[in-house]
Amino acid sequence: DRLSQLIMLTAEEHKKKDGIISLLFSIS
């Protein structure tokens, strides 16, 4: 349900998106 809501959400990409992804990969 939350994923469906996120698809409908018109949000700008986070300005640190690449940093967030890099962080998630480095701490897993």
mmCIF file of all heavy atoms, coordinates in Angstrom:
data_MODEL
# 
_entry.id   MODEL 
# 
loop_
_atom_site.group_PDB 
_atom_site.id 
_atom_site.type_symbol 
_atom_site.label_atom_id 
_atom_site.label_alt_id 
_atom_site.label_comp_id 
_atom_site.label_asym_id 
_atom_site.label_entity_id 
_atom_site.label_seq_id 
_atom_site.pdbx_PDB_ins_code 
_atom_site.Cartn_x 
_atom_site.Cartn_y 
_atom_site.Cartn_z 
_atom_site.occupancy 
_atom_site.B_iso_or_equiv 
_atom_site.pdbx_formal_charge 
_atom_site.auth_seq_id 
_atom_site.auth_comp_id 
_atom_site.auth_asym_id 
_atom_site.auth_atom_id 
_atom_site.pdbx_PDB_model_num 
ATOM 1   N N   . ASP A 1 1  ? 0.843  -1.209 0.000  1.00 0.00 ? 1  ASP A N   1 
ATOM 2   C CA  . ASP A 1 1  ? 0.000  0.000  0.000  1.00 0.00 ? 1  ASP A CA  1 
ATOM 3   C C   . ASP A 1 1  ? 0.872  1.251  0.000  1.00 0.00 ? 1  ASP A C   1 
ATOM 4   O O   . ASP A 1 1  ? 0.602  2.213  -0.731 1.00 0.00 ? 1  ASP A O   1 
ATOM 5   C CB  . ASP A 1 1  ? -0.930 0.022  1.217  1.00 0.00 ? 1  ASP A CB  1 
ATOM 6   C CG  . ASP A 1 1  ? -2.045 -1.002 1.133  1.00 0.00 ? 1  ASP A CG  1 
ATOM 7   O OD1 . ASP A 1 1  ? -2.295 -1.537 0.027  1.00 0.00 ? 1  ASP A OD1 1 
ATOM 8   O OD2 . ASP A 1 1  ? -2.665 -1.274 2.184  1.00 0.00 ? 1  ASP A OD2 1 
ATOM 9   N N   . ARG A 1 2  ? 1.932  1.232  0.803  1.00 0.00 ? 2  ARG A N   1 
ATOM 10  C CA  . ARG A 1 2  ? 2.835  2.389  0.863  1.00 0.00 ? 2  ARG A CA  1 
ATOM 11  C C   . ARG A 1 2  ? 3.565  2.576  -0.464 1.00 0.00 ? 2  ARG A C   1 
ATOM 12  O O   . ARG A 1 2  ? 3.748  3.711  -0.919 1.00 0.00 ? 2  ARG A O   1 
ATOM 13  C CB  . ARG A 1 2  ? 3.836  2.206  2.011  1.00 0.00 ? 2  ARG A CB  1 
ATOM 14  C CG  . ARG A 1 2  ? 4.762  3.388  2.166  1.00 0.00 ? 2  ARG A CG  1 
ATOM 15  C CD  . ARG A 1 2  ? 4.003  4.648  2.516  1.00 0.00 ? 2  ARG A CD  1 
ATOM 16  N NE  . ARG A 1 2  ? 4.913  5.749  2.710  1.00 0.00 ? 2  ARG A NE  1 
ATOM 17  C CZ  . ARG A 1 2  ? 4.666  7.006  2.360  1.00 0.00 ? 2  ARG A CZ  1 
ATOM 18  N NH1 . ARG A 1 2  ? 3.508  7.331  1.808  1.00 0.00 ? 2  ARG A NH1 1 
ATOM 19  N NH2 . ARG A 1 2  ? 5.538  7.945  2.576  1.00 0.00 ? 2  ARG A NH2 1 
ATOM 20  N N   . LEU A 1 3  ? 3.947  1.486  -1.104 1.00 0.00 ? 3  LEU A N   1 
ATOM 21  C CA  . LEU A 1 3  ? 4.615  1.600  -2.405 1.00 0.00 ? 3  LEU A CA  1 
ATOM 22  C C   . LEU A 1 3  ? 3.670  2.197  -3.442 1.00 0.00 ? 3  LEU A C   1 
ATOM 23  O O   . LEU A 1 3  ? 4.079  3.020  -4.268 1.00 0.00 ? 3  LEU A O   1 
ATOM 24  C CB  . LEU A 1 3  ? 5.126  0.232  -2.871 1.00 0.00 ? 3  LEU A CB  1 
ATOM 25  C CG  . LEU A 1 3  ? 6.257  -0.385 -2.059 1.00 0.00 ? 3  LEU A CG  1 
ATOM 26  C CD1 . LEU A 1 3  ? 6.653  -1.731 -2.644 1.00 0.00 ? 3  LEU A CD1 1 
ATOM 27  C CD2 . LEU A 1 3  ? 7.448  0.536  -1.964 1.00 0.00 ? 3  LEU A CD2 1 
ATOM 28  N N   . SER A 1 4  ? 2.412  1.810  -3.392 1.00 0.00 ? 4  SER A N   1 
ATOM 29  C CA  . SER A 1 4  ? 1.421  2.387  -4.316 1.00 0.00 ? 4  SER A CA  1 
ATOM 30  C C   . SER A 1 4  ? 1.272  3.882  -4.079 1.00 0.00 ? 4  SER A C   1 
ATOM 31  O O   . SER A 1 4  ? 1.151  4.662  -5.025 1.00 0.00 ? 4  SER A O   1 
ATOM 32  C CB  . SER A 1 4  ? 0.071  1.691  -4.145 1.00 0.00 ? 4  SER A CB  1 
ATOM 33  O OG  . SER A 1 4  ? 0.174  0.329  -4.465 1.00 0.00 ? 4  SER A OG  1 
ATOM 34  N N   . GLN A 1 5  ? 1.279  4.292  -2.811 1.00 0.00 ? 5  GLN A N   1 
ATOM 35  C CA  . GLN A 1 5  ? 1.202  5.715  -2.486 1.00 0.00 ? 5  GLN A CA  1 
ATOM 36  C C   . GLN A 1 5  ? 2.434  6.458  -2.998 1.00 0.00 ? 5  GLN A C   1 
ATOM 37  O O   . GLN A 1 5  ? 2.334  7.573  -3.500 1.00 0.00 ? 5  GLN A O   1 
ATOM 38  C CB  . GLN A 1 5  ? 1.085  5.909  -0.977 1.00 0.00 ? 5  GLN A CB  1 
ATOM 39  C CG  . GLN A 1 5  ? -0.212 5.429  -0.377 1.00 0.00 ? 5  GLN A CG  1 
ATOM 40  C CD  . GLN A 1 5  ? -0.171 5.450  1.148  1.00 0.00 ? 5  GLN A CD  1 
ATOM 41  O OE1 . GLN A 1 5  ? 0.831  5.824  1.761  1.00 0.00 ? 5  GLN A OE1 1 
ATOM 42  N NE2 . GLN A 1 5  ? -1.272 5.025  1.764  1.00 0.00 ? 5  GLN A NE2 1 
ATOM 43  N N   . LEU A 1 6  ? 3.602  5.830  -2.867 1.00 0.00 ? 6  LEU A N   1 
ATOM 44  C CA  . LEU A 1 6  ? 4.829  6.480  -3.323 1.00 0.00 ? 6  LEU A CA  1 
ATOM 45  C C   . LEU A 1 6  ? 4.845  6.658  -4.835 1.00 0.00 ? 6  LEU A C   1 
ATOM 46  O O   . LEU A 1 6  ? 5.389  7.639  -5.339 1.00 0.00 ? 6  LEU A O   1 
ATOM 47  C CB  . LEU A 1 6  ? 6.062  5.675  -2.884 1.00 0.00 ? 6  LEU A CB  1 
ATOM 48  C CG  . LEU A 1 6  ? 6.404  5.744  -1.402 1.00 0.00 ? 6  LEU A CG  1 
ATOM 49  C CD1 . LEU A 1 6  ? 7.571  4.815  -1.090 1.00 0.00 ? 6  LEU A CD1 1 
ATOM 50  C CD2 . LEU A 1 6  ? 6.730  7.158  -0.967 1.00 0.00 ? 6  LEU A CD2 1 
ATOM 51  N N   . ILE A 1 7  ? 4.256  5.723  -5.555 1.00 0.00 ? 7  ILE A N   1 
ATOM 52  C CA  . ILE A 1 7  ? 4.189  5.857  -7.016 1.00 0.00 ? 7  ILE A CA  1 
ATOM 53  C C   . ILE A 1 7  ? 3.361  7.077  -7.385 1.00 0.00 ? 7  ILE A C   1 
ATOM 54  O O   . ILE A 1 7  ? 3.702  7.835  -8.294 1.00 0.00 ? 7  ILE A O   1 
ATOM 55  C CB  . ILE A 1 7  ? 3.617  4.573  -7.649 1.00 0.00 ? 7  ILE A CB  1 
ATOM 56  C CG1 . ILE A 1 7  ? 4.662  3.455  -7.559 1.00 0.00 ? 7  ILE A CG1 1 
ATOM 57  C CG2 . ILE A 1 7  ? 3.227  4.803  -9.100 1.00 0.00 ? 7  ILE A CG2 1 
ATOM 58  C CD1 . ILE A 1 7  ? 4.162  2.100  -8.000 1.00 0.00 ? 7  ILE A CD1 1 
ATOM 59  N N   . MET A 1 8  ? 2.273  7.308  -6.666 1.00 0.00 ? 8  MET A N   1 
ATOM 60  C CA  . MET A 1 8  ? 1.393  8.447  -6.934 1.00 0.00 ? 8  MET A CA  1 
ATOM 61  C C   . MET A 1 8  ? 1.988  9.766  -6.450 1.00 0.00 ? 8  MET A C   1 
ATOM 62  O O   . MET A 1 8  ? 1.618  10.831 -6.934 1.00 0.00 ? 8  MET A O   1 
ATOM 63  C CB  . MET A 1 8  ? 0.027  8.245  -6.265 1.00 0.00 ? 8  MET A CB  1 
ATOM 64  C CG  . MET A 1 8  ? -0.714 7.026  -6.737 1.00 0.00 ? 8  MET A CG  1 
ATOM 65  S SD  . MET A 1 8  ? -0.980 7.130  -8.506 1.00 0.00 ? 8  MET A SD  1 
ATOM 66  C CE  . MET A 1 8  ? -1.504 5.487  -8.863 1.00 0.00 ? 8  MET A CE  1 
ATOM 67  N N   . LEU A 1 9  ? 2.927  9.686  -5.528 1.00 0.00 ? 9  LEU A N   1 
ATOM 68  C CA  . LEU A 1 9  ? 3.540  10.879 -4.952 1.00 0.00 ? 9  LEU A CA  1 
ATOM 69  C C   . LEU A 1 9  ? 4.438  11.558 -5.989 1.00 0.00 ? 9  LEU A C   1 
ATOM 70  O O   . LEU A 1 9  ? 5.261  10.929 -6.633 1.00 0.00 ? 9  LEU A O   1 
ATOM 71  C CB  . LEU A 1 9  ? 4.381  10.481 -3.732 1.00 0.00 ? 9  LEU A CB  1 
ATOM 72  C CG  . LEU A 1 9  ? 5.079  11.598 -2.973 1.00 0.00 ? 9  LEU A CG  1 
ATOM 73  C CD1 . LEU A 1 9  ? 4.059  12.465 -2.259 1.00 0.00 ? 9  LEU A CD1 1 
ATOM 74  C CD2 . LEU A 1 9  ? 6.052  11.000 -1.981 1.00 0.00 ? 9  LEU A CD2 1 
ATOM 75  N N   . THR A 1 10 ? 4.233  12.850 -6.149 1.00 0.00 ? 10 THR A N   1 
ATOM 76  C CA  . THR A 1 10 ? 5.082  13.615 -7.074 1.00 0.00 ? 10 THR A CA  1 
ATOM 77  C C   . THR A 1 10 ? 6.116  14.376 -6.252 1.00 0.00 ? 10 THR A C   1 
ATOM 78  O O   . THR A 1 10 ? 5.953  15.546 -5.952 1.00 0.00 ? 10 THR A O   1 
ATOM 79  C CB  . THR A 1 10 ? 4.247  14.593 -7.918 1.00 0.00 ? 10 THR A CB  1 
ATOM 80  O OG1 . THR A 1 10 ? 3.484  15.418 -7.026 1.00 0.00 ? 10 THR A OG1 1 
ATOM 81  C CG2 . THR A 1 10 ? 3.344  13.854 -8.862 1.00 0.00 ? 10 THR A CG2 1 
ATOM 82  N N   . ALA A 1 11 ? 7.156  13.664 -5.883 1.00 0.00 ? 11 ALA A N   1 
ATOM 83  C CA  . ALA A 1 11 ? 8.218  14.260 -5.072 1.00 0.00 ? 11 ALA A CA  1 
ATOM 84  C C   . ALA A 1 11 ? 9.483  14.388 -5.901 1.00 0.00 ? 11 ALA A C   1 
ATOM 85  O O   . ALA A 1 11 ? 9.778  13.556 -6.738 1.00 0.00 ? 11 ALA A O   1 
ATOM 86  C CB  . ALA A 1 11 ? 8.488  13.382 -3.855 1.00 0.00 ? 11 ALA A CB  1 
ATOM 87  N N   . GLU A 1 12 ? 10.189 15.475 -5.654 1.00 0.00 ? 12 GLU A N   1 
ATOM 88  C CA  . GLU A 1 12 ? 11.480 15.656 -6.309 1.00 0.00 ? 12 GLU A CA  1 
ATOM 89  C C   . GLU A 1 12 ? 12.470 14.663 -5.741 1.00 0.00 ? 12 GLU A C   1 
ATOM 90  O O   . GLU A 1 12 ? 12.373 14.254 -4.591 1.00 0.00 ? 12 GLU A O   1 
ATOM 91  C CB  . GLU A 1 12 ? 12.000 17.072 -6.052 1.00 0.00 ? 12 GLU A CB  1 
ATOM 92  C CG  . GLU A 1 12 ? 11.250 18.153 -6.767 1.00 0.00 ? 12 GLU A CG  1 
ATOM 93  C CD  . GLU A 1 12 ? 11.883 19.515 -6.522 1.00 0.00 ? 12 GLU A CD  1 
ATOM 94  O OE1 . GLU A 1 12 ? 13.103 19.578 -6.273 1.00 0.00 ? 12 GLU A OE1 1 
ATOM 95  O OE2 . GLU A 1 12 ? 11.148 20.502 -6.579 1.00 0.00 ? 12 GLU A OE2 1 
ATOM 96  N N   . GLU A 1 13 ? 13.450 14.299 -6.557 1.00 0.00 ? 13 GLU A N   1 
ATOM 97  C CA  . GLU A 1 13 ? 14.509 13.429 -6.079 1.00 0.00 ? 13 GLU A CA  1 
ATOM 98  C C   . GLU A 1 13 ? 15.283 14.148 -4.981 1.00 0.00 ? 13 GLU A C   1 
ATOM 99  O O   . GLU A 1 13 ? 15.510 15.349 -5.064 1.00 0.00 ? 13 GLU A O   1 
ATOM 100 C CB  . GLU A 1 13 ? 15.461 13.051 -7.220 1.00 0.00 ? 13 GLU A CB  1 
ATOM 101 C CG  . GLU A 1 13 ? 14.847 12.138 -8.254 1.00 0.00 ? 13 GLU A CG  1 
ATOM 102 C CD  . GLU A 1 13 ? 14.511 10.761 -7.720 1.00 0.00 ? 13 GLU A CD  1 
ATOM 103 O OE1 . GLU A 1 13 ? 15.213 10.266 -6.812 1.00 0.00 ? 13 GLU A OE1 1 
ATOM 104 O OE2 . GLU A 1 13 ? 13.517 10.185 -8.194 1.00 0.00 ? 13 GLU A OE2 1 
ATOM 105 N N   . HIS A 1 14 ? 15.646 13.426 -3.960 1.00 0.00 ? 14 HIS A N   1 
ATOM 106 C CA  . HIS A 1 14 ? 16.439 14.000 -2.879 1.00 0.00 ? 14 HIS A CA  1 
ATOM 107 C C   . HIS A 1 14 ? 17.765 14.472 -3.456 1.00 0.00 ? 14 HIS A C   1 
ATOM 108 O O   . HIS A 1 14 ? 18.366 13.795 -4.293 1.00 0.00 ? 14 HIS A O   1 
ATOM 109 C CB  . HIS A 1 14 ? 16.660 12.963 -1.785 1.00 0.00 ? 14 HIS A CB  1 
ATOM 110 C CG  . HIS A 1 14 ? 17.123 13.533 -0.494 1.00 0.00 ? 14 HIS A CG  1 
ATOM 111 N ND1 . HIS A 1 14 ? 18.426 13.926 -0.295 1.00 0.00 ? 14 HIS A ND1 1 
ATOM 112 C CD2 . HIS A 1 14 ? 16.455 13.797 0.655  1.00 0.00 ? 14 HIS A CD2 1 
ATOM 113 C CE1 . HIS A 1 14 ? 18.548 14.394 0.933  1.00 0.00 ? 14 HIS A CE1 1 
ATOM 114 N NE2 . HIS A 1 14 ? 17.369 14.328 1.538  1.00 0.00 ? 14 HIS A NE2 1 
ATOM 115 N N   . LYS A 1 15 ? 18.212 15.649 -3.027 1.00 0.00 ? 15 LYS A N   1 
ATOM 116 C CA  . LYS A 1 15 ? 19.440 16.205 -3.594 1.00 0.00 ? 15 LYS A CA  1 
ATOM 117 C C   . LYS A 1 15 ? 20.665 15.355 -3.261 1.00 0.00 ? 15 LYS A C   1 
ATOM 118 O O   . LYS A 1 15 ? 21.671 15.429 -3.944 1.00 0.00 ? 15 LYS A O   1 
ATOM 119 C CB  . LYS A 1 15 ? 19.639 17.649 -3.131 1.00 0.00 ? 15 LYS A CB  1 
ATOM 120 C CG  . LYS A 1 15 ? 19.749 17.815 -1.636 1.00 0.00 ? 15 LYS A CG  1 
ATOM 121 C CD  . LYS A 1 15 ? 19.802 19.272 -1.245 1.00 0.00 ? 15 LYS A CD  1 
ATOM 122 C CE  . LYS A 1 15 ? 19.777 19.400 0.280  1.00 0.00 ? 15 LYS A CE  1 
ATOM 123 N NZ  . LYS A 1 15 ? 19.671 20.769 0.697  1.00 0.00 ? 15 LYS A NZ  1 
ATOM 124 N N   . LYS A 1 16 ? 20.575 14.518 -2.242 1.00 0.00 ? 16 LYS A N   1 
ATOM 125 C CA  . LYS A 1 16 ? 21.678 13.631 -1.881 1.00 0.00 ? 16 LYS A CA  1 
ATOM 126 C C   . LYS A 1 16 ? 21.326 12.163 -2.160 1.00 0.00 ? 16 LYS A C   1 
ATOM 127 O O   . LYS A 1 16 ? 21.763 11.274 -1.448 1.00 0.00 ? 16 LYS A O   1 
ATOM 128 C CB  . LYS A 1 16 ? 22.025 13.797 -0.405 1.00 0.00 ? 16 LYS A CB  1 
ATOM 129 C CG  . LYS A 1 16 ? 22.609 15.144 -0.056 1.00 0.00 ? 16 LYS A CG  1 
ATOM 130 C CD  . LYS A 1 16 ? 23.071 15.193 1.376  1.00 0.00 ? 16 LYS A CD  1 
ATOM 131 C CE  . LYS A 1 16 ? 23.721 16.517 1.714  1.00 0.00 ? 16 LYS A CE  1 
ATOM 132 N NZ  . LYS A 1 16 ? 24.201 16.555 3.097  1.00 0.00 ? 16 LYS A NZ  1 
ATOM 133 N N   . LYS A 1 17 ? 20.549 11.934 -3.210 1.00 0.00 ? 17 LYS A N   1 
ATOM 134 C CA  . LYS A 1 17 ? 20.099 10.567 -3.524 1.00 0.00 ? 17 LYS A CA  1 
ATOM 135 C C   . LYS A 1 17 ? 21.277 9.621  -3.699 1.00 0.00 ? 17 LYS A C   1 
ATOM 136 O O   . LYS A 1 17 ? 21.285 8.516  -3.142 1.00 0.00 ? 17 LYS A O   1 
ATOM 137 C CB  . LYS A 1 17 ? 19.239 10.564 -4.786 1.00 0.00 ? 17 LYS A CB  1 
ATOM 138 C CG  . LYS A 1 17 ? 18.772 9.186  -5.188 1.00 0.00 ? 17 LYS A CG  1 
ATOM 139 C CD  . LYS A 1 17 ? 17.966 9.220  -6.458 1.00 0.00 ? 17 LYS A CD  1 
ATOM 140 C CE  . LYS A 1 17 ? 17.574 7.813  -6.877 1.00 0.00 ? 17 LYS A CE  1 
ATOM 141 N NZ  . LYS A 1 17 ? 16.846 7.802  -8.133 1.00 0.00 ? 17 LYS A NZ  1 
ATOM 142 N N   . ASP A 1 18 ? 22.283 10.030 -4.461 1.00 0.00 ? 18 ASP A N   1 
ATOM 143 C CA  . ASP A 1 18 ? 23.437 9.164  -4.681 1.00 0.00 ? 18 ASP A CA  1 
ATOM 144 C C   . ASP A 1 18 ? 24.184 8.895  -3.378 1.00 0.00 ? 18 ASP A C   1 
ATOM 145 O O   . ASP A 1 18 ? 24.672 7.783  -3.151 1.00 0.00 ? 18 ASP A O   1 
ATOM 146 C CB  . ASP A 1 18 ? 24.381 9.776  -5.712 1.00 0.00 ? 18 ASP A CB  1 
ATOM 147 C CG  . ASP A 1 18 ? 23.764 9.814  -7.104 1.00 0.00 ? 18 ASP A CG  1 
ATOM 148 O OD1 . ASP A 1 18 ? 22.865 8.990  -7.378 1.00 0.00 ? 18 ASP A OD1 1 
ATOM 149 O OD2 . ASP A 1 18 ? 24.175 10.669 -7.907 1.00 0.00 ? 18 ASP A OD2 1 
ATOM 150 N N   . GLY A 1 19 ? 24.245 9.888  -2.514 1.00 0.00 ? 19 GLY A N   1 
ATOM 151 C CA  . GLY A 1 19 ? 24.886 9.709  -1.213 1.00 0.00 ? 19 GLY A CA  1 
ATOM 152 C C   . GLY A 1 19 ? 24.114 8.751  -0.326 1.00 0.00 ? 19 GLY A C   1 
ATOM 153 O O   . GLY A 1 19 ? 24.711 7.960  0.407  1.00 0.00 ? 19 GLY A O   1 
ATOM 154 N N   . ILE A 1 20 ? 22.791 8.818  -0.402 1.00 0.00 ? 20 ILE A N   1 
ATOM 155 C CA  . ILE A 1 20 ? 21.954 7.912  0.381  1.00 0.00 ? 20 ILE A CA  1 
ATOM 156 C C   . ILE A 1 20 ? 22.161 6.476  -0.090 1.00 0.00 ? 20 ILE A C   1 
ATOM 157 O O   . ILE A 1 20 ? 22.353 5.557  0.716  1.00 0.00 ? 20 ILE A O   1 
ATOM 158 C CB  . ILE A 1 20 ? 20.468 8.307  0.280  1.00 0.00 ? 20 ILE A CB  1 
ATOM 159 C CG1 . ILE A 1 20 ? 20.240 9.677  0.926  1.00 0.00 ? 20 ILE A CG1 1 
ATOM 160 C CG2 . ILE A 1 20 ? 19.574 7.258  0.929  1.00 0.00 ? 20 ILE A CG2 1 
ATOM 161 C CD1 . ILE A 1 20 ? 18.880 10.275 0.640  1.00 0.00 ? 20 ILE A CD1 1 
ATOM 162 N N   . ILE A 1 21 ? 22.140 6.273  -1.404 1.00 0.00 ? 21 ILE A N   1 
ATOM 163 C CA  . ILE A 1 21 ? 22.326 4.930  -1.955 1.00 0.00 ? 21 ILE A CA  1 
ATOM 164 C C   . ILE A 1 21 ? 23.713 4.407  -1.599 1.00 0.00 ? 21 ILE A C   1 
ATOM 165 O O   . ILE A 1 21 ? 23.872 3.258  -1.184 1.00 0.00 ? 21 ILE A O   1 
ATOM 166 C CB  . ILE A 1 21 ? 22.100 4.941  -3.481 1.00 0.00 ? 21 ILE A CB  1 
ATOM 167 C CG1 . ILE A 1 21 ? 20.633 5.255  -3.789 1.00 0.00 ? 21 ILE A CG1 1 
ATOM 168 C CG2 . ILE A 1 21 ? 22.506 3.612  -4.103 1.00 0.00 ? 21 ILE A CG2 1 
ATOM 169 C CD1 . ILE A 1 21 ? 20.337 5.511  -5.254 1.00 0.00 ? 21 ILE A CD1 1 
ATOM 170 N N   . SER A 1 22 ? 24.711 5.255  -1.722 1.00 0.00 ? 22 SER A N   1 
ATOM 171 C CA  . SER A 1 22 ? 26.074 4.857  -1.376 1.00 0.00 ? 22 SER A CA  1 
ATOM 172 C C   . SER A 1 22 ? 26.173 4.474  0.097  1.00 0.00 ? 22 SER A C   1 
ATOM 173 O O   . SER A 1 22 ? 26.826 3.479  0.455  1.00 0.00 ? 22 SER A O   1 
ATOM 174 C CB  . SER A 1 22 ? 27.027 6.003  -1.694 1.00 0.00 ? 22 SER A CB  1 
ATOM 175 O OG  . SER A 1 22 ? 28.321 5.703  -1.301 1.00 0.00 ? 22 SER A OG  1 
ATOM 176 N N   . LEU A 1 23 ? 25.530 5.236  0.967  1.00 0.00 ? 23 LEU A N   1 
ATOM 177 C CA  . LEU A 1 23 ? 25.534 4.938  2.392  1.00 0.00 ? 23 LEU A CA  1 
ATOM 178 C C   . LEU A 1 23 ? 24.856 3.604  2.662  1.00 0.00 ? 23 LEU A C   1 
ATOM 179 O O   . LEU A 1 23 ? 25.370 2.772  3.417  1.00 0.00 ? 23 LEU A O   1 
ATOM 180 C CB  . LEU A 1 23 ? 24.842 6.048  3.185  1.00 0.00 ? 23 LEU A CB  1 
ATOM 181 C CG  . LEU A 1 23 ? 24.648 5.773  4.676  1.00 0.00 ? 23 LEU A CG  1 
ATOM 182 C CD1 . LEU A 1 23 ? 25.996 5.752  5.374  1.00 0.00 ? 23 LEU A CD1 1 
ATOM 183 C CD2 . LEU A 1 23 ? 23.719 6.779  5.286  1.00 0.00 ? 23 LEU A CD2 1 
ATOM 184 N N   . LEU A 1 24 ? 23.688 3.373  2.060  1.00 0.00 ? 24 LEU A N   1 
ATOM 185 C CA  . LEU A 1 24 ? 22.970 2.114  2.278  1.00 0.00 ? 24 LEU A CA  1 
ATOM 186 C C   . LEU A 1 24 ? 23.825 0.927  1.849  1.00 0.00 ? 24 LEU A C   1 
ATOM 187 O O   . LEU A 1 24 ? 23.861 -0.105 2.539  1.00 0.00 ? 24 LEU A O   1 
ATOM 188 C CB  . LEU A 1 24 ? 21.636 2.121  1.515  1.00 0.00 ? 24 LEU A CB  1 
ATOM 189 C CG  . LEU A 1 24 ? 20.582 3.095  2.015  1.00 0.00 ? 24 LEU A CG  1 
ATOM 190 C CD1 . LEU A 1 24 ? 19.367 3.084  1.089  1.00 0.00 ? 24 LEU A CD1 1 
ATOM 191 C CD2 . LEU A 1 24 ? 20.157 2.775  3.444  1.00 0.00 ? 24 LEU A CD2 1 
ATOM 192 N N   . PHE A 1 25 ? 24.502 1.054  0.722  1.00 0.00 ? 25 PHE A N   1 
ATOM 193 C CA  . PHE A 1 25 ? 25.349 -0.034 0.251  1.00 0.00 ? 25 PHE A CA  1 
ATOM 194 C C   . PHE A 1 25 ? 26.566 -0.235 1.149  1.00 0.00 ? 25 PHE A C   1 
ATOM 195 O O   . PHE A 1 25 ? 27.012 -1.368 1.354  1.00 0.00 ? 25 PHE A O   1 
ATOM 196 C CB  . PHE A 1 25 ? 25.792 0.208  -1.181 1.00 0.00 ? 25 PHE A CB  1 
ATOM 197 C CG  . PHE A 1 25 ? 24.716 -0.052 -2.212 1.00 0.00 ? 25 PHE A CG  1 
ATOM 198 C CD1 . PHE A 1 25 ? 24.973 0.181  -3.536 1.00 0.00 ? 25 PHE A CD1 1 
ATOM 199 C CD2 . PHE A 1 25 ? 23.455 -0.512 -1.853 1.00 0.00 ? 25 PHE A CD2 1 
ATOM 200 C CE1 . PHE A 1 25 ? 23.995 -0.060 -4.499 1.00 0.00 ? 25 PHE A CE1 1 
ATOM 201 C CE2 . PHE A 1 25 ? 22.475 -0.741 -2.794 1.00 0.00 ? 25 PHE A CE2 1 
ATOM 202 C CZ  . PHE A 1 25 ? 22.746 -0.528 -4.119 1.00 0.00 ? 25 PHE A CZ  1 
ATOM 203 N N   . SER A 1 26 ? 27.103 0.850  1.674  1.00 0.00 ? 26 SER A N   1 
ATOM 204 C CA  . SER A 1 26 ? 28.327 0.717  2.495  1.00 0.00 ? 26 SER A CA  1 
ATOM 205 C C   . SER A 1 26 ? 28.047 0.174  3.897  1.00 0.00 ? 26 SER A C   1 
ATOM 206 O O   . SER A 1 26 ? 28.934 -0.443 4.496  1.00 0.00 ? 26 SER A O   1 
ATOM 207 C CB  . SER A 1 26 ? 29.057 2.058  2.580  1.00 0.00 ? 26 SER A CB  1 
ATOM 208 O OG  . SER A 1 26 ? 28.316 2.989  3.308  1.00 0.00 ? 26 SER A OG  1 
ATOM 209 N N   . ILE A 1 27 ? 26.835 0.354  4.418  1.00 0.00 ? 27 ILE A N   1 
ATOM 210 C CA  . ILE A 1 27 ? 26.560 -0.143 5.774  1.00 0.00 ? 27 ILE A CA  1 
ATOM 211 C C   . ILE A 1 27 ? 25.835 -1.489 5.758  1.00 0.00 ? 27 ILE A C   1 
ATOM 212 O O   . ILE A 1 27 ? 25.499 -2.014 6.814  1.00 0.00 ? 27 ILE A O   1 
ATOM 213 C CB  . ILE A 1 27 ? 25.764 0.879  6.621  1.00 0.00 ? 27 ILE A CB  1 
ATOM 214 C CG1 . ILE A 1 27 ? 24.389 1.171  6.016  1.00 0.00 ? 27 ILE A CG1 1 
ATOM 215 C CG2 . ILE A 1 27 ? 26.576 2.147  6.815  1.00 0.00 ? 27 ILE A CG2 1 
ATOM 216 C CD1 . ILE A 1 27 ? 23.506 2.043  6.891  1.00 0.00 ? 27 ILE A CD1 1 
ATOM 217 N N   . SER A 1 28 ? 25.600 -2.035 4.586  1.00 0.00 ? 28 SER A N   1 
ATOM 218 C CA  . SER A 1 28 ? 25.008 -3.378 4.515  1.00 0.00 ? 28 SER A CA  1 
ATOM 219 C C   . SER A 1 28 ? 26.075 -4.361 4.048  1.00 0.00 ? 28 SER A C   1 
ATOM 220 O O   . SER A 1 28 ? 27.028 -3.975 3.387  1.00 0.00 ? 28 SER A O   1 
ATOM 221 C CB  . SER A 1 28 ? 23.816 -3.398 3.551  1.00 0.00 ? 28 SER A CB  1 
ATOM 222 O OG  . SER A 1 28 ? 24.232 -3.167 2.233  1.00 0.00 ? 28 SER A OG  1 
# 
